[in-house]
């Protein structure tokens, strides 16, 4: 582990004279300040929490954010660009509104607006919600760059992703639009809602997912990372852009599954010990990612000689990181018309790329650490096996631990919640001990090494600061 002073931080605490790192991906919507774990406590931070903000105030903040985006956007330059990219067809700009029935135009990290051409063709302007100020501009810019490269790669495949026409970065003097942006195709269909689908509709979607997994399995890469566009205009593998929570700085590429999983664990371990993540439950979270680090080699197992899974083991494949259900667009017959929201897509080991996903998970069991294969997981494995892809089916059947490790405990977990999560994980790893006893044993082991003592001291310092 690097020294704590060398650990990258998104932001420094905004309180005067405080030099501690701010908690990642958290900024008060009221005072608009980033705070460290100590100064996030109620005795220092008096603003209402998100749950205490009235709907009226919340909607006003969203409206103000949209207004700020539109004020920065050079709309005439946008129209000129779009028309030049589409045979000089005339188009109009239609801003997205964050209110029913169009609330979906604003995602958790992106704002969308429409470009409507004279022949009825529709494009989307997709721009990060930088006004939230959750991550530094350089991280968002890398994510935008990588999403564009990912979409350009997908254009060469039969995966129904949006075409990407242009992108721009706010730091680029040549970008006349004034914001980070992607210009992409607006696909037909409506977001798929797993909970609203009938059994027949759900099964039909899973059958199509199996077909798309097979297509992606035929497009291997040599390392783990994220796609970027080279100066020559070619697509290549660059650092992993982040994860679905945007907690991590870009890292890699990684040449082995073990290196990829271990790097994810090490980044989390450093950030937890530094007070940038899981500040309420640092002991439990640190031990969870210590488990990921210790199991990083066995998370991508070989199934045996001459099997499909063995052939997949040393290769890497494109993975959508937010595959929960509404990343799919479907028509009235639940045919998939598009796969959208490729932000932070990654090239990952086969066990993660083709393992069980959020879409097929029991979300309550996933967020509690209990995990376990679901009926939908098994249906997906059966669909792959019936198509002659035994290796992909095995990835689904043995990848449940990877799904849990890469999802992880919630960053806002209380100590009790994180301890329960950890307690549910232990038996899945063959550790048959009560969680309190196991945590105590691990802390004693940490005390036996200089590195372990430094970590325990840093975590205790973090906990003490929150008590002041």
Protein backbone atom coordinates (compact mmCIF):
# COMPACT_ATOMS: atom_id res chain seq x y z
CA UNK A 1 0.00 0.00 0.00
CA UNK A 2 1.29 3.44 -0.87
CA UNK A 3 1.66 6.07 1.83
CA UNK A 4 -1.61 7.81 2.65
CA UNK A 5 -0.29 11.17 1.43
CA UNK A 6 0.16 9.62 -2.04
CA UNK A 7 -3.38 8.27 -2.37
CA UNK A 8 -5.23 10.22 -5.07
CA UNK A 9 -8.23 12.16 -3.87
CA UNK A 10 -11.18 13.52 -5.80
CA UNK A 11 -11.43 16.60 -3.57
CA UNK A 12 -10.05 18.02 -0.33
CA UNK A 13 -12.42 18.94 2.48
CA UNK A 14 -13.87 22.42 1.89
CA UNK A 15 -13.75 23.43 5.56
CA UNK A 16 -11.05 26.10 6.07
CA UNK A 17 -7.78 24.77 7.53
CA UNK A 18 -8.85 21.13 7.03
CA UNK A 19 -6.49 19.19 4.78
CA UNK A 20 -8.25 15.82 4.93
CA UNK A 21 -9.56 14.15 1.76
CA UNK A 22 -13.26 14.64 1.10
CA UNK A 23 -15.56 11.64 0.90
CA UNK A 24 -15.75 10.50 -2.69
CA UNK A 25 -18.88 11.03 -4.81
CA UNK A 26 -20.59 13.06 -2.13
CA UNK A 27 -21.28 16.78 -2.13
CA UNK A 28 -23.97 18.58 -0.19
CA UNK A 29 -26.75 19.72 -2.52
CA UNK A 30 -27.48 22.67 -0.22
CA UNK A 31 -24.12 24.22 0.70
CA UNK A 32 -22.40 22.61 -2.31
CA UNK A 33 -19.34 21.62 -0.29
CA UNK A 34 -17.23 18.49 -0.23
CA UNK A 35 -16.46 17.39 3.31
CA UNK A 36 -14.21 14.88 4.98
CA UNK A 37 -15.58 12.16 7.26
CA UNK A 38 -15.15 14.35 10.34
CA UNK A 39 -16.83 17.46 8.94
CA UNK A 40 -19.67 15.47 7.39
CA UNK A 41 -20.94 14.76 10.92
CA UNK A 42 -24.08 16.62 12.05
CA UNK A 43 -22.25 18.68 14.65
CA UNK A 44 -20.28 20.32 11.82
CA UNK A 45 -22.70 20.01 8.91
CA UNK A 46 -26.15 21.47 9.54
CA UNK A 47 -27.71 21.20 6.08
CA UNK A 48 -30.76 18.95 5.68
CA UNK A 49 -30.09 15.48 4.31
CA UNK A 50 -31.56 14.40 0.98
CA UNK A 51 -34.39 12.68 2.83
CA UNK A 52 -35.24 15.90 4.67
CA UNK A 53 -35.47 18.07 1.56
CA UNK A 54 -39.02 18.76 0.39
CA UNK A 55 -40.12 17.65 -3.07
CA UNK A 56 -40.57 21.30 -4.00
CA UNK A 57 -37.00 22.20 -3.01
CA UNK A 58 -35.63 19.08 -4.66
CA UNK A 59 -37.36 19.83 -7.95
CA UNK A 60 -36.14 23.42 -7.81
CA UNK A 61 -32.55 22.24 -7.43
CA UNK A 62 -32.94 19.96 -10.43
CA UNK A 63 -34.51 22.78 -12.45
CA UNK A 64 -31.64 25.08 -11.48
CA UNK A 65 -29.13 22.43 -12.52
CA UNK A 66 -30.79 22.00 -15.91
CA UNK A 67 -30.90 25.77 -16.36
CA UNK A 68 -27.18 25.95 -15.61
CA UNK A 69 -26.41 23.25 -18.19
CA UNK A 70 -28.47 25.04 -20.82
CA UNK A 71 -26.84 28.38 -19.99
CA UNK A 72 -23.39 26.88 -20.63
CA UNK A 73 -24.46 25.07 -23.81
CA UNK A 74 -23.88 26.92 -27.08
CA UNK A 75 -27.09 25.82 -28.80
CA UNK A 76 -26.38 27.47 -32.19
CA UNK A 77 -23.01 25.69 -32.31
CA UNK A 78 -24.74 22.42 -31.39
CA UNK A 79 -27.25 22.80 -34.23
CA UNK A 80 -24.49 23.66 -36.71
CA UNK A 81 -22.49 20.61 -35.64
CA UNK A 82 -25.43 18.21 -35.79
CA UNK A 83 -26.54 19.45 -39.20
CA UNK A 84 -23.00 19.19 -40.58
CA UNK A 85 -22.82 15.57 -39.38
CA UNK A 86 -26.17 14.63 -40.94
CA UNK A 87 -26.07 15.78 -44.57
CA UNK A 88 -26.93 19.37 -43.57
CA UNK A 89 -30.48 18.40 -42.61
CA UNK A 90 -32.16 21.09 -40.54
CA UNK A 91 -32.83 20.24 -36.91
CA UNK A 92 -34.25 21.78 -33.77
CA UNK A 93 -33.11 21.50 -30.17
CA UNK A 94 -35.56 20.21 -27.58
CA UNK A 95 -34.28 20.33 -23.98
CA UNK A 96 -35.12 17.42 -21.73
CA UNK A 97 -37.39 18.22 -18.80
CA UNK A 98 -36.91 16.59 -15.42
CA UNK A 99 -40.58 16.04 -14.64
CA UNK A 100 -43.09 13.28 -15.46
CA UNK A 101 -43.55 11.84 -17.99
CA UNK A 102 -40.04 12.69 -19.24
CA UNK A 103 -38.11 12.28 -15.99
CA UNK A 104 -36.03 9.51 -17.54
CA UNK A 105 -34.29 12.17 -19.65
CA UNK A 106 -32.17 12.89 -16.54
CA UNK A 107 -30.15 9.96 -15.26
CA UNK A 108 -28.12 9.76 -12.09
CA UNK A 109 -25.01 11.18 -13.76
CA UNK A 110 -26.14 12.46 -17.18
CA UNK A 111 -28.58 14.96 -18.66
CA UNK A 112 -30.16 14.34 -22.06
CA UNK A 113 -31.77 16.59 -24.65
CA UNK A 114 -33.16 15.93 -28.11
CA UNK A 115 -32.09 16.97 -31.58
CA UNK A 116 -34.98 16.47 -34.00
CA UNK A 117 -34.24 16.60 -37.72
CA UNK A 118 -36.62 17.72 -40.44
CA UNK A 119 -37.18 14.12 -41.60
CA UNK A 120 -38.09 12.99 -38.07
CA UNK A 121 -34.74 11.44 -37.18
CA UNK A 122 -33.85 11.98 -33.52
CA UNK A 123 -30.47 12.27 -31.83
CA UNK A 124 -29.62 12.64 -28.17
CA UNK A 125 -27.26 15.12 -26.60
CA UNK A 126 -25.80 13.34 -23.58
CA UNK A 127 -23.79 15.40 -21.11
CA UNK A 128 -22.47 14.58 -17.63
CA UNK A 129 -24.18 16.29 -14.73
CA UNK A 130 -20.98 18.11 -13.81
CA UNK A 131 -23.04 20.50 -11.69
CA UNK A 132 -23.33 17.69 -9.16
CA UNK A 133 -19.55 18.02 -8.79
CA UNK A 134 -19.29 14.41 -7.58
CA UNK A 135 -16.08 13.57 -9.43
CA UNK A 136 -13.25 15.72 -10.83
CA UNK A 137 -13.53 16.99 -14.41
CA UNK A 138 -10.64 14.83 -15.63
CA UNK A 139 -12.44 11.66 -14.51
CA UNK A 140 -15.66 12.67 -16.25
CA UNK A 141 -13.74 13.59 -19.40
CA UNK A 142 -12.08 10.19 -19.51
CA UNK A 143 -15.46 8.51 -19.03
CA UNK A 144 -16.96 10.52 -21.92
CA UNK A 145 -13.98 9.71 -24.15
CA UNK A 146 -14.22 6.02 -23.34
CA UNK A 147 -18.00 5.84 -23.86
CA UNK A 148 -17.56 7.35 -27.32
CA UNK A 149 -14.87 4.79 -28.19
CA UNK A 150 -17.06 1.98 -26.86
CA UNK A 151 -20.00 3.05 -29.02
CA UNK A 152 -17.76 3.34 -32.10
CA UNK A 153 -16.53 -0.20 -31.44
CA UNK A 154 -20.09 -1.47 -31.05
CA UNK A 155 -20.97 0.04 -34.43
CA UNK A 156 -18.75 -2.66 -35.97
CA UNK A 157 -20.84 -5.39 -34.30
CA UNK A 158 -24.46 -6.52 -34.43
CA UNK A 159 -25.10 -5.42 -30.83
CA UNK A 160 -27.99 -2.88 -30.97
CA UNK A 161 -26.20 0.07 -29.37
CA UNK A 162 -26.68 3.73 -30.38
CA UNK A 163 -24.46 5.11 -33.10
CA UNK A 164 -22.09 7.81 -31.84
CA UNK A 165 -21.69 10.85 -34.07
CA UNK A 166 -19.42 13.15 -32.05
CA UNK A 167 -18.07 13.94 -28.62
CA UNK A 168 -16.41 16.92 -27.03
CA UNK A 169 -14.63 17.85 -23.81
CA UNK A 170 -15.06 21.15 -22.03
CA UNK A 171 -11.29 21.43 -21.59
CA UNK A 172 -10.75 21.33 -25.37
CA UNK A 173 -10.48 24.87 -26.84
CA UNK A 174 -11.79 23.51 -30.15
CA UNK A 175 -15.06 22.41 -28.52
CA UNK A 176 -17.51 25.18 -29.38
CA UNK A 177 -20.41 23.69 -27.41
CA UNK A 178 -18.93 24.67 -24.03
CA UNK A 179 -19.71 21.39 -22.24
CA UNK A 180 -18.64 17.75 -22.17
CA UNK A 181 -20.97 15.91 -24.50
CA UNK A 182 -21.82 12.92 -26.66
CA UNK A 183 -24.04 13.13 -29.73
CA UNK A 184 -25.69 9.75 -30.19
CA UNK A 185 -28.53 8.08 -32.01
CA UNK A 186 -31.91 7.97 -30.27
CA UNK A 187 -33.06 4.36 -30.47
CA UNK A 188 -36.70 3.23 -30.58
CA UNK A 189 -38.34 1.42 -27.70
CA UNK A 190 -39.00 1.98 -24.02
CA UNK A 191 -36.87 1.01 -21.00
CA UNK A 192 -37.38 -2.60 -19.95
CA UNK A 193 -38.80 -3.04 -16.45
CA UNK A 194 -38.10 -6.52 -15.17
CA UNK A 195 -40.60 -6.20 -12.33
CA UNK A 196 -43.44 -5.33 -14.72
CA UNK A 197 -42.74 -8.09 -17.24
CA UNK A 198 -44.75 -11.29 -17.43
CA UNK A 199 -42.94 -14.62 -17.16
CA UNK A 200 -43.11 -15.06 -20.92
CA UNK A 201 -41.79 -11.56 -21.58
CA UNK A 202 -38.94 -12.01 -19.10
CA UNK A 203 -37.96 -15.35 -20.62
CA UNK A 204 -38.00 -13.80 -24.10
CA UNK A 205 -35.64 -11.04 -22.95
CA UNK A 206 -33.26 -13.57 -21.35
CA UNK A 207 -33.14 -15.59 -24.58
CA UNK A 208 -32.08 -12.44 -26.44
CA UNK A 209 -29.50 -11.60 -23.77
CA UNK A 210 -27.99 -15.05 -24.28
CA UNK A 211 -27.64 -14.36 -28.01
CA UNK A 212 -25.90 -11.05 -27.33
CA UNK A 213 -23.54 -12.62 -24.80
CA UNK A 214 -22.54 -15.13 -27.46
CA UNK A 215 -21.83 -12.31 -29.91
CA UNK A 216 -19.67 -10.48 -27.36
CA UNK A 217 -17.81 -13.71 -26.56
CA UNK A 218 -16.66 -13.76 -30.17
CA UNK A 219 -14.94 -10.37 -29.70
CA UNK A 220 -12.09 -11.04 -27.23
CA UNK A 221 -9.47 -8.56 -26.05
CA UNK A 222 -5.96 -9.10 -24.73
CA UNK A 223 -6.19 -7.05 -21.52
CA UNK A 224 -8.62 -5.59 -19.00
CA UNK A 225 -9.35 -1.89 -19.35
CA UNK A 226 -11.71 0.47 -21.15
CA UNK A 227 -11.81 1.42 -24.79
CA UNK A 228 -10.36 4.72 -25.98
CA UNK A 229 -9.68 6.22 -29.39
CA UNK A 230 -6.04 6.60 -30.41
CA UNK A 231 -4.63 9.70 -32.10
CA UNK A 232 -4.90 7.80 -35.39
CA UNK A 233 -8.62 7.27 -34.82
CA UNK A 234 -8.36 3.59 -33.95
CA UNK A 235 -9.97 1.95 -30.94
CA UNK A 236 -7.58 0.56 -28.35
CA UNK A 237 -7.55 -0.56 -24.72
CA UNK A 238 -6.79 2.14 -22.16
CA UNK A 239 -7.12 2.29 -18.37
CA UNK A 240 -10.31 1.02 -16.74
CA UNK A 241 -12.47 4.16 -16.72
CA UNK A 242 -13.99 3.51 -13.27
CA UNK A 243 -16.70 1.26 -11.85
CA UNK A 244 -20.50 1.63 -11.83
CA UNK A 245 -20.30 3.85 -8.74
CA UNK A 246 -17.51 6.04 -10.22
CA UNK A 247 -15.53 5.47 -7.02
CA UNK A 248 -12.22 4.65 -8.69
CA UNK A 249 -9.67 6.55 -10.73
CA UNK A 250 -8.78 5.08 -14.14
CA UNK A 251 -6.19 2.31 -13.81
CA UNK A 252 -4.55 -0.32 -15.94
CA UNK A 253 -4.73 -1.87 -18.48
CA UNK A 254 -4.30 -5.21 -16.70
CA UNK A 255 -2.85 -8.25 -18.41
CA UNK A 256 -4.37 -10.93 -16.19
CA UNK A 257 -7.67 -11.48 -14.38
CA UNK A 258 -5.78 -11.67 -11.08
CA UNK A 259 -4.15 -8.27 -11.63
CA UNK A 260 -7.51 -6.73 -12.53
CA UNK A 261 -9.37 -8.02 -9.47
CA UNK A 262 -6.42 -7.29 -7.17
CA UNK A 263 -6.10 -3.70 -8.41
CA UNK A 264 -9.81 -3.08 -7.74
CA UNK A 265 -9.36 -4.41 -4.21
CA UNK A 266 -6.19 -2.39 -3.55
CA UNK A 267 -7.79 0.85 -4.70
CA UNK A 268 -10.72 0.31 -2.35
CA UNK A 269 -8.43 -0.64 0.53
CA UNK A 270 -6.40 2.55 0.12
CA UNK A 271 -9.51 4.73 -0.17
CA UNK A 272 -11.17 3.18 2.87
CA UNK A 273 -8.08 3.58 5.04
CA UNK A 274 -7.73 7.17 3.81
CA UNK A 275 -11.32 8.03 4.77
CA UNK A 276 -12.51 8.59 1.20
CA UNK A 277 -15.00 5.71 1.14
CA UNK A 278 -17.06 3.72 3.65
CA UNK A 279 -16.26 6.24 6.38
CA UNK A 280 -19.07 4.92 8.60
CA UNK A 281 -17.91 1.30 8.50
CA UNK A 282 -14.19 1.32 7.65
CA UNK A 283 -13.30 -1.84 9.59
CA UNK A 284 -15.94 -4.01 7.94
CA UNK A 285 -15.42 -2.54 4.47
CA UNK A 286 -11.64 -2.89 4.70
CA UNK A 287 -11.96 -6.54 5.64
CA UNK A 288 -14.42 -7.14 2.79
CA UNK A 289 -11.97 -5.82 0.19
CA UNK A 290 -9.16 -7.69 1.91
CA UNK A 291 -11.16 -10.82 1.13
CA UNK A 292 -11.42 -9.73 -2.52
CA UNK A 293 -7.66 -9.21 -2.64
CA UNK A 294 -6.92 -12.58 -1.06
CA UNK A 295 -9.32 -14.35 -3.44
CA UNK A 296 -8.38 -12.40 -6.58
CA UNK A 297 -6.60 -15.34 -8.19
CA UNK A 298 -9.35 -17.88 -7.64
CA UNK A 299 -12.14 -15.54 -8.79
CA UNK A 300 -11.38 -16.42 -12.41
CA UNK A 301 -11.05 -20.20 -12.22
CA UNK A 302 -10.22 -22.54 -15.03
CA UNK A 303 -12.90 -25.15 -15.48
CA UNK A 304 -10.52 -27.83 -16.71
CA UNK A 305 -8.67 -28.87 -19.80
CA UNK A 306 -10.19 -28.37 -23.24
CA UNK A 307 -13.42 -26.76 -22.05
CA UNK A 308 -15.00 -23.61 -23.40
CA UNK A 309 -14.49 -21.86 -20.07
CA UNK A 310 -10.80 -22.74 -20.04
CA UNK A 311 -10.45 -21.10 -23.45
CA UNK A 312 -12.22 -17.98 -22.13
CA UNK A 313 -10.07 -17.76 -19.00
CA UNK A 314 -7.12 -15.84 -20.46
CA UNK A 315 -9.18 -13.43 -22.57
CA UNK A 316 -11.16 -10.29 -21.75
CA UNK A 317 -14.54 -9.09 -23.00
CA UNK A 318 -16.73 -5.99 -23.09
CA UNK A 319 -19.03 -5.59 -20.08
CA UNK A 320 -21.88 -3.12 -19.53
CA UNK A 321 -21.46 -2.04 -15.90
CA UNK A 322 -25.03 -0.97 -15.16
CA UNK A 323 -26.94 -3.94 -16.56
CA UNK A 324 -29.92 -3.82 -14.21
CA UNK A 325 -32.89 -3.72 -16.69
CA UNK A 326 -33.54 -0.18 -17.90
CA UNK A 327 -30.35 -0.24 -19.97
CA UNK A 328 -32.43 -2.35 -22.36
CA UNK A 329 -34.96 -0.79 -24.72
CA UNK A 330 -37.80 -3.06 -25.84
CA UNK A 331 -40.79 -2.85 -28.18
CA UNK A 332 -44.36 -3.92 -27.43
CA UNK A 333 -43.42 -7.57 -27.98
CA UNK A 334 -40.37 -7.27 -25.71
CA UNK A 335 -37.94 -7.57 -28.56
CA UNK A 336 -34.77 -5.73 -27.55
CA UNK A 337 -34.42 -2.66 -29.76
CA UNK A 338 -31.36 -1.20 -28.10
CA UNK A 339 -28.81 -1.36 -25.29
CA UNK A 340 -28.04 2.10 -23.95
CA UNK A 341 -25.99 3.89 -21.27
CA UNK A 342 -22.52 2.47 -21.94
CA UNK A 343 -20.86 4.88 -19.50
CA UNK A 344 -17.88 3.28 -17.75
CA UNK A 345 -18.15 0.11 -19.84
CA UNK A 346 -15.11 -2.08 -19.28
CA UNK A 347 -13.14 -4.89 -20.81
CA UNK A 348 -13.11 -7.50 -18.03
CA UNK A 349 -12.33 -11.18 -17.39
CA UNK A 350 -14.84 -13.66 -18.79
CA UNK A 351 -16.10 -14.61 -15.34
CA UNK A 352 -17.32 -11.03 -14.85
CA UNK A 353 -18.33 -10.31 -18.45
CA UNK A 354 -20.50 -13.41 -18.73
CA UNK A 355 -21.19 -14.16 -15.09
CA UNK A 356 -24.56 -13.48 -13.46
CA UNK A 357 -25.54 -9.83 -13.68
CA UNK A 358 -27.62 -7.30 -11.77
CA UNK A 359 -30.40 -7.91 -14.31
CA UNK A 360 -30.80 -11.54 -13.23
CA UNK A 361 -30.04 -11.02 -9.54
CA UNK A 362 -32.24 -11.04 -6.47
CA UNK A 363 -31.39 -7.47 -5.55
CA UNK A 364 -32.30 -7.87 -1.87
CA UNK A 365 -29.91 -10.81 -1.56
CA UNK A 366 -27.22 -9.04 -3.57
CA UNK A 367 -27.18 -5.88 -1.45
CA UNK A 368 -27.20 -7.95 1.76
CA UNK A 369 -24.23 -10.08 0.72
CA UNK A 370 -26.26 -13.31 0.69
CA UNK A 371 -26.09 -13.73 -3.07
CA UNK A 372 -26.87 -17.05 -4.65
CA UNK A 373 -27.97 -18.04 -8.13
CA UNK A 374 -31.50 -17.04 -9.02
CA UNK A 375 -34.03 -18.72 -11.26
CA UNK A 376 -33.22 -16.15 -13.94
CA UNK A 377 -29.50 -16.92 -13.61
CA UNK A 378 -30.23 -20.58 -14.24
CA UNK A 379 -32.53 -19.78 -17.16
CA UNK A 380 -29.76 -17.72 -18.73
CA UNK A 381 -27.24 -20.52 -18.23
CA UNK A 382 -29.68 -23.01 -19.79
CA UNK A 383 -30.21 -20.69 -22.77
CA UNK A 384 -26.46 -20.47 -23.35
CA UNK A 385 -26.00 -24.21 -22.95
CA UNK A 386 -28.83 -24.98 -25.37
CA UNK A 387 -27.02 -22.83 -27.94
CA UNK A 388 -23.85 -24.90 -27.56
CA UNK A 389 -21.90 -22.48 -25.35
CA UNK A 390 -21.02 -24.54 -22.31
CA UNK A 391 -18.22 -22.21 -21.24
CA UNK A 392 -20.52 -19.19 -21.07
CA UNK A 393 -23.10 -21.22 -19.16
CA UNK A 394 -20.42 -22.18 -16.64
CA UNK A 395 -19.46 -18.52 -16.20
CA UNK A 396 -23.05 -17.80 -15.16
CA UNK A 397 -23.13 -20.78 -12.80
CA UNK A 398 -19.83 -20.13 -11.00
CA UNK A 399 -19.66 -16.32 -11.13
CA UNK A 400 -21.96 -15.35 -8.26
CA UNK A 401 -19.07 -14.39 -5.96
CA UNK A 402 -17.68 -12.06 -8.62
CA UNK A 403 -21.09 -10.39 -8.89
CA UNK A 404 -21.12 -9.76 -5.13
CA UNK A 405 -17.50 -8.67 -4.89
CA UNK A 406 -17.81 -6.17 -7.74
CA UNK A 407 -21.11 -4.81 -6.35
CA UNK A 408 -19.81 -4.62 -2.79
CA UNK A 409 -21.41 -3.21 0.35
CA UNK A 410 -23.23 0.10 0.03
CA UNK A 411 -20.92 3.08 0.53
CA UNK A 412 -23.41 4.57 3.02
CA UNK A 413 -23.76 1.40 5.10
CA UNK A 414 -23.87 1.70 8.85
CA UNK A 415 -21.45 -0.49 10.83
CA UNK A 416 -24.30 -2.90 11.61
CA UNK A 417 -25.33 -3.16 7.96
CA UNK A 418 -21.76 -3.67 6.78
CA UNK A 419 -21.15 -6.27 9.48
CA UNK A 420 -24.30 -8.15 8.41
CA UNK A 421 -23.12 -8.01 4.79
CA UNK A 422 -19.74 -9.40 5.80
CA UNK A 423 -21.38 -12.06 7.95
CA UNK A 424 -23.43 -13.24 4.98
CA UNK A 425 -20.30 -13.41 2.81
CA UNK A 426 -18.17 -15.55 5.12
CA UNK A 427 -19.97 -18.91 4.72
CA UNK A 428 -20.00 -18.42 0.95
CA UNK A 429 -16.19 -18.34 1.15
CA UNK A 430 -15.98 -21.43 3.34
CA UNK A 431 -15.33 -19.40 6.50
CA UNK A 432 -17.48 -20.88 9.23
CA UNK A 433 -17.07 -18.42 12.08
CA UNK A 434 -19.29 -15.82 13.67
CA UNK A 435 -18.63 -12.48 12.07
CA UNK A 436 -17.68 -10.65 15.31
CA UNK A 437 -15.18 -13.37 16.18
CA UNK A 438 -13.74 -13.39 12.67
CA UNK A 439 -13.33 -9.59 12.60
CA UNK A 440 -11.50 -9.71 15.93
CA UNK A 441 -9.20 -12.45 14.64
CA UNK A 442 -8.40 -10.46 11.50
CA UNK A 443 -7.58 -7.36 13.52
CA UNK A 444 -5.19 -9.40 15.66
CA UNK A 445 -3.50 -10.67 12.50
CA UNK A 446 -3.15 -7.10 11.23
CA UNK A 447 -1.33 -6.14 14.42
CA UNK A 448 1.45 -8.61 13.58
CA UNK A 449 2.72 -6.64 10.56
CA UNK A 450 3.92 -3.05 10.21
CA UNK A 451 1.57 -2.46 7.30
CA UNK A 452 -1.37 -3.91 9.22
CA UNK A 453 -0.62 -1.75 12.27
CA UNK A 454 -0.51 1.38 10.09
CA UNK A 455 -3.87 0.52 8.57
CA UNK A 456 -5.50 -0.14 11.94
CA UNK A 457 -4.05 3.10 13.31
CA UNK A 458 -5.33 5.08 10.34
CA UNK A 459 -8.82 3.55 10.60
CA UNK A 460 -8.96 4.20 14.35
CA UNK A 461 -7.91 7.80 13.71
CA UNK A 462 -10.76 8.09 11.20
CA UNK A 463 -13.29 6.72 13.70
CA UNK A 464 -12.00 9.01 16.46
CA UNK A 465 -12.29 12.08 14.23
CA UNK A 466 -15.96 11.31 13.62
CA UNK A 467 -16.56 11.21 17.39
CA UNK A 468 -15.07 14.66 18.05
